[in-house]
């Protein structure tokens, strides 16, 4: 999982820390390998959460995303039967977990282009990023409307 930086109190700080971490890799394949390694450390979703209600449509691999709100903050977890899909989706889930809806709206994941994440993914895996972002943003919008 992407480890939170001790001083990262905002998504902007988390973004900067993530960009620094990913920017340290010389080759795109090394970045992707690191993301896959992080995905392997993430605990799997319990079987009872791997339902159609949590399945992200439009992905070739099975991908489940679970969202939860606690104390005004959004939390996300995911799982997939594909290591790379799990890594890509997990990147966004880890990044946005713990953020308030307004923070999520203010910082879409287009910053990942700076370190070449999008450019080195297949079209389907870029689609995964887009679908997961839609789910995260949609959940944040629902929470924002409740407040």
Foldseek 3Di string as FASTA:
>chain_A
DQDDDPPPPALVSVLVVVCVVLLVDPDLVVSLVVLLVVLVVADADPPVQQDPVQFQPPAPWTKGKDWDDDPQAIAIAMDTPDSSLSSLLVVVRVSRGGHHLVRLVVDQPPSVVVSPPLVPDDPRSVVSNVSSSVVVNVVNVVSVVVD
